[in-house]
Amino acid sequence: MPAINVEIFPKNVTVCEGEAVTFTFVTRMIGGFEGLQLRNVFVDSTLCDSIEFVGGDLNENGFLDFGEEFTNQCTILKAGTGPGHCD
């Protein structure tokens, strides 16, 4: 039975006040077979308000095909919340 695996990079990152960090989400189908397609694949996370698709649909058909890796990204800026952060 096919399943979806999502990896998030970077892992275990420290973000100081005023710094931005870009999170990358790599989505793959595992346990599938050649010719299998998954539709309506999207990434949602509490890390970001808006996540954008940036690539990986090799044949540009809008489906996550077996062997493809969809890449999504979002960037957040850590707001200043007071002294003592990342001294």
C-alpha atoms as a PDB file:
ATOM      1  CA  MET A   1       0.000   0.000   0.000  1.00  0.00           C
ATOM      2  CA  PRO A   2       1.442   3.407  -0.927  1.00  0.00           C
ATOM      3  CA  ALA A   3       2.152   6.023   1.708  1.00  0.00           C
ATOM      4  CA  ILE A   4       3.594   9.536   1.828  1.00  0.00           C
ATOM      5  CA  ASN A   5       6.835  10.503   3.570  1.00  0.00           C
ATOM      6  CA  VAL A   6       7.580  14.153   4.354  1.00  0.00           C
ATOM      7  CA  GLU A   7      11.005  15.330   5.530  1.00  0.00           C
ATOM      8  CA  ILE A   8      11.545  18.813   6.928  1.00  0.00           C
ATOM      9  CA  PHE A   9      14.859  20.661   6.692  1.00  0.00           C
ATOM     10  CA  PRO A  10      16.594  22.146   8.596  1.00  0.00           C
ATOM     11  CA  LYS A  11      16.136  20.011  11.688  1.00  0.00           C
ATOM     12  CA  ASN A  12      16.793  21.231  15.234  1.00  0.00           C
ATOM     13  CA  VAL A  13      17.554  24.795  14.170  1.00  0.00           C
ATOM     14  CA  THR A  14      18.015  27.734  16.538  1.00  0.00           C
ATOM     15  CA  VAL A  15      16.638  31.021  15.250  1.00  0.00           C
ATOM     16  CA  CYS A  16      17.611  34.234  16.977  1.00  0.00           C
ATOM     17  CA  GLU A  17      15.579  37.430  17.115  1.00  0.00           C
ATOM     18  CA  GLY A  18      15.429  39.189  13.773  1.00  0.00           C
ATOM     19  CA  GLU A  19      16.733  36.183  11.832  1.00  0.00           C
ATOM     20  CA  ALA A  20      14.876  34.390   9.079  1.00  0.00           C
ATOM     21  CA  VAL A  21      14.796  30.663   8.516  1.00  0.00           C
ATOM     22  CA  THR A  22      13.561  28.835   5.434  1.00  0.00           C
ATOM     23  CA  PHE A  23      11.972  25.446   5.994  1.00  0.00           C
ATOM     24  CA  THR A  24      12.017  22.953   3.123  1.00  0.00           C
ATOM     25  CA  PHE A  25       9.491  20.113   2.974  1.00  0.00           C
ATOM     26  CA  VAL A  26      10.343  17.159   0.695  1.00  0.00           C
ATOM     27  CA  THR A  27       7.372  14.876  -0.033  1.00  0.00           C
ATOM     28  CA  ARG A  28       7.776  11.386  -1.524  1.00  0.00           C
ATOM     29  CA  MET A  29       5.554   8.425  -2.216  1.00  0.00           C
ATOM     30  CA  ILE A  30       6.834   5.250  -0.610  1.00  0.00           C
ATOM     31  CA  GLY A  31       5.585   1.722  -1.132  1.00  0.00           C
ATOM     32  CA  GLY A  32       4.178   2.535  -4.545  1.00  0.00           C
ATOM     33  CA  PHE A  33       4.992   1.354  -8.024  1.00  0.00           C
ATOM     34  CA  GLU A  34       5.740   2.812 -11.455  1.00  0.00           C
ATOM     35  CA  GLY A  35       2.626   4.427 -12.899  1.00  0.00           C
ATOM     36  CA  LEU A  36       0.954   5.162  -9.549  1.00  0.00           C
ATOM     37  CA  GLN A  37      -0.075   8.797  -9.075  1.00  0.00           C
ATOM     38  CA  LEU A  38      -1.334  10.648  -6.005  1.00  0.00           C
ATOM     39  CA  ARG A  39      -3.464  13.743  -6.462  1.00  0.00           C
ATOM     40  CA  ASN A  40      -4.247  16.689  -4.207  1.00  0.00           C
ATOM     41  CA  VAL A  41      -0.938  16.377  -2.341  1.00  0.00           C
ATOM     42  CA  PHE A  42      -0.199  19.485  -0.297  1.00  0.00           C
ATOM     43  CA  VAL A  43       1.820  20.366   2.794  1.00  0.00           C
ATOM     44  CA  ASP A  44       0.473  22.175   5.843  1.00  0.00           C
ATOM     45  CA  SER A  45       2.441  22.973   8.978  1.00  0.00           C
ATOM     46  CA  THR A  46       2.193  24.955  12.186  1.00  0.00           C
ATOM     47  CA  LEU A  47       5.705  26.262  11.429  1.00  0.00           C
ATOM     48  CA  CYS A  48       4.472  28.686   8.750  1.00  0.00           C
ATOM     49  CA  ASP A  49       1.387  30.572   7.670  1.00  0.00           C
ATOM     50  CA  SER A  50       1.977  30.002   3.956  1.00  0.00           C
ATOM     51  CA  ILE A  51       3.865  27.165   2.268  1.00  0.00           C
ATOM     52  CA  GLU A  52       4.678  27.370  -1.440  1.00  0.00           C
ATOM     53  CA  PHE A  53       5.314  24.607  -3.960  1.00  0.00           C
ATOM     54  CA  VAL A  54       8.759  25.168  -5.511  1.00  0.00           C
ATOM     55  CA  GLY A  55       9.322  22.106  -7.685  1.00  0.00           C
ATOM     56  CA  GLY A  56       9.648  18.411  -8.265  1.00  0.00           C
ATOM     57  CA  ASP A  57       6.715  17.709 -10.581  1.00  0.00           C
ATOM     58  CA  LEU A  58       9.033  16.383 -13.288  1.00  0.00           C
ATOM     59  CA  ASN A  59       6.347  15.781 -15.909  1.00  0.00           C
ATOM     60  CA  GLU A  60       4.254  18.807 -14.809  1.00  0.00           C
ATOM     61  CA  ASN A  61       1.028  16.805 -14.538  1.00  0.00           C
ATOM     62  CA  GLY A  62       0.047  18.043 -11.069  1.00  0.00           C
ATOM     63  CA  PHE A  63       0.270  14.556  -9.517  1.00  0.00           C
ATOM     64  CA  LEU A  64       2.882  13.128  -7.195  1.00  0.00           C
ATOM     65  CA  ASP A  65       4.104  10.268  -9.360  1.00  0.00           C
ATOM     66  CA  PHE A  66       6.074   7.320  -8.029  1.00  0.00           C
ATOM     67  CA  GLY A  67       9.736   8.408  -8.055  1.00  0.00           C
ATOM     68  CA  GLU A  68       9.045  12.160  -7.839  1.00  0.00           C
ATOM     69  CA  GLU A  69       9.867  14.361  -4.857  1.00  0.00           C
ATOM     70  CA  PHE A  70       7.733  17.454  -4.375  1.00  0.00           C
ATOM     71  CA  THR A  71       9.539  20.351  -2.696  1.00  0.00           C
ATOM     72  CA  ASN A  72       7.714  23.064  -0.750  1.00  0.00           C
ATOM     73  CA  GLN A  73       9.186  25.941   1.226  1.00  0.00           C
ATOM     74  CA  CYS A  74       8.281  28.664   3.669  1.00  0.00           C
ATOM     75  CA  THR A  75      10.300  31.386   5.371  1.00  0.00           C
ATOM     76  CA  ILE A  76       9.637  32.830   8.798  1.00  0.00           C
ATOM     77  CA  LEU A  77      11.185  35.781  10.604  1.00  0.00           C
ATOM     78  CA  LYS A  78      11.521  35.489  14.357  1.00  0.00           C
ATOM     79  CA  ALA A  79      10.183  38.671  15.867  1.00  0.00           C
ATOM     80  CA  GLY A  80      11.999  40.393  18.685  1.00  0.00           C
ATOM     81  CA  THR A  81      10.444  39.358  21.984  1.00  0.00           C
ATOM     82  CA  GLY A  82      12.898  40.792  24.460  1.00  0.00           C
ATOM     83  CA  PRO A  83      16.518  40.518  25.551  1.00  0.00           C
ATOM     84  CA  GLY A  84      18.459  37.338  26.101  1.00  0.00           C
ATOM     85  CA  HIS A  85      17.738  35.463  22.867  1.00  0.00           C
ATOM     86  CA  CYS A  86      20.836  33.988  21.151  1.00  0.00           C
ATOM     87  CA  ASP A  87      23.367  36.090  23.027  1.00  0.00           C
END
